[in-house]
Amino acid sequence: MEKFSERLKSALILRNMTAAELSRIIGVNEGTISNYKKGIYEPKQRRLESIANALHVSIPWLMGYDVPVTQSIE
């Protein structure tokens, strides 16, 4: 299972987004995103939801589970 930090980096590349852009979108310090990417910290639930929404990925995927990148909309 991949770590959150690895999935965050992958999602940023997938969405062609920088850490600075993500930090502005979700309203956190750029250093916080940097710490997430380095694996120093993992976000709490509310921030995890914000990150997943901003990157258009599913929360389980972002947390490293073997599920599709995006949630299917039915």
Protein backbone atom coordinates (compact mmCIF):
# COMPACT_ATOMS: atom_id res chain seq x y z
CA MET A 1 0.00 0.00 0.00
CA GLU A 2 1.38 3.38 -0.98
CA LYS A 3 1.73 6.08 1.64
CA PHE A 4 -0.37 9.24 1.72
CA SER A 5 2.70 11.33 0.81
CA GLU A 6 3.30 9.27 -2.34
CA ARG A 7 -0.32 9.49 -3.40
CA LEU A 8 -0.38 13.25 -2.78
CA LYS A 9 2.64 13.72 -5.06
CA SER A 10 1.02 11.50 -7.71
CA ALA A 11 -2.26 13.42 -7.53
CA LEU A 12 -0.49 16.76 -7.89
CA ILE A 13 1.25 15.49 -11.03
CA LEU A 14 -1.95 13.91 -12.34
CA ARG A 15 -3.83 17.20 -11.95
CA ASN A 16 -0.89 19.31 -13.14
CA MET A 17 -1.03 21.30 -9.90
CA THR A 18 1.75 22.68 -7.72
CA ALA A 19 1.88 22.44 -3.96
CA ALA A 20 1.53 26.23 -3.86
CA GLU A 21 -1.68 26.09 -5.90
CA LEU A 22 -3.09 23.37 -3.66
CA SER A 23 -2.23 25.35 -0.54
CA ARG A 24 -4.07 28.41 -1.90
CA ILE A 25 -7.12 26.36 -2.91
CA ILE A 26 -7.55 24.68 0.46
CA GLY A 27 -6.36 27.67 2.52
CA VAL A 28 -3.30 26.28 4.28
CA ASN A 29 0.31 27.31 4.51
CA GLU A 30 2.51 25.99 1.70
CA GLY A 31 4.81 24.53 4.37
CA THR A 32 1.96 22.30 5.52
CA ILE A 33 1.65 20.79 2.05
CA SER A 34 5.42 20.38 1.95
CA ASN A 35 5.29 18.45 5.23
CA TYR A 36 2.55 16.21 3.82
CA LYS A 37 4.64 15.53 0.70
CA LYS A 38 7.68 14.67 2.83
CA GLY A 39 5.61 12.29 4.95
CA ILE A 40 6.26 14.25 8.15
CA TYR A 41 2.54 14.69 8.83
CA GLU A 42 -0.76 13.33 7.54
CA PRO A 43 -3.86 15.51 7.44
CA LYS A 44 -6.84 15.18 9.75
CA GLN A 45 -10.19 14.16 8.24
CA ARG A 46 -11.50 17.65 7.35
CA ARG A 47 -8.30 18.67 5.60
CA LEU A 48 -8.07 15.29 3.89
CA GLU A 49 -11.52 15.91 2.42
CA SER A 50 -10.42 19.37 1.22
CA ILE A 51 -7.32 17.94 -0.44
CA ALA A 52 -9.26 15.11 -2.11
CA ASN A 53 -11.89 17.55 -3.39
CA ALA A 54 -9.30 20.01 -4.71
CA LEU A 55 -7.44 17.23 -6.51
CA HIS A 56 -10.61 15.43 -7.66
CA VAL A 57 -9.51 12.10 -6.19
CA SER A 58 -11.18 9.71 -3.78
CA ILE A 59 -10.19 9.79 -0.12
CA PRO A 60 -9.48 6.03 0.04
CA TRP A 61 -7.19 6.30 -2.98
CA LEU A 62 -5.41 9.28 -1.46
CA MET A 63 -4.87 7.28 1.73
CA GLY A 64 -3.16 4.54 -0.27
CA TYR A 65 -5.88 1.93 -0.73
CA ASP A 66 -6.13 -0.09 -3.91
CA VAL A 67 -9.24 1.62 -5.28
CA PRO A 68 -9.92 3.79 -8.35
CA VAL A 69 -8.42 7.28 -8.33
CA THR A 70 -11.80 8.97 -8.60
CA GLN A 71 -15.14 8.12 -7.07
CA SER A 72 -17.73 6.95 -9.57
CA ILE A 73 -20.77 9.21 -9.73
CA GLU A 74 -24.02 7.33 -10.05
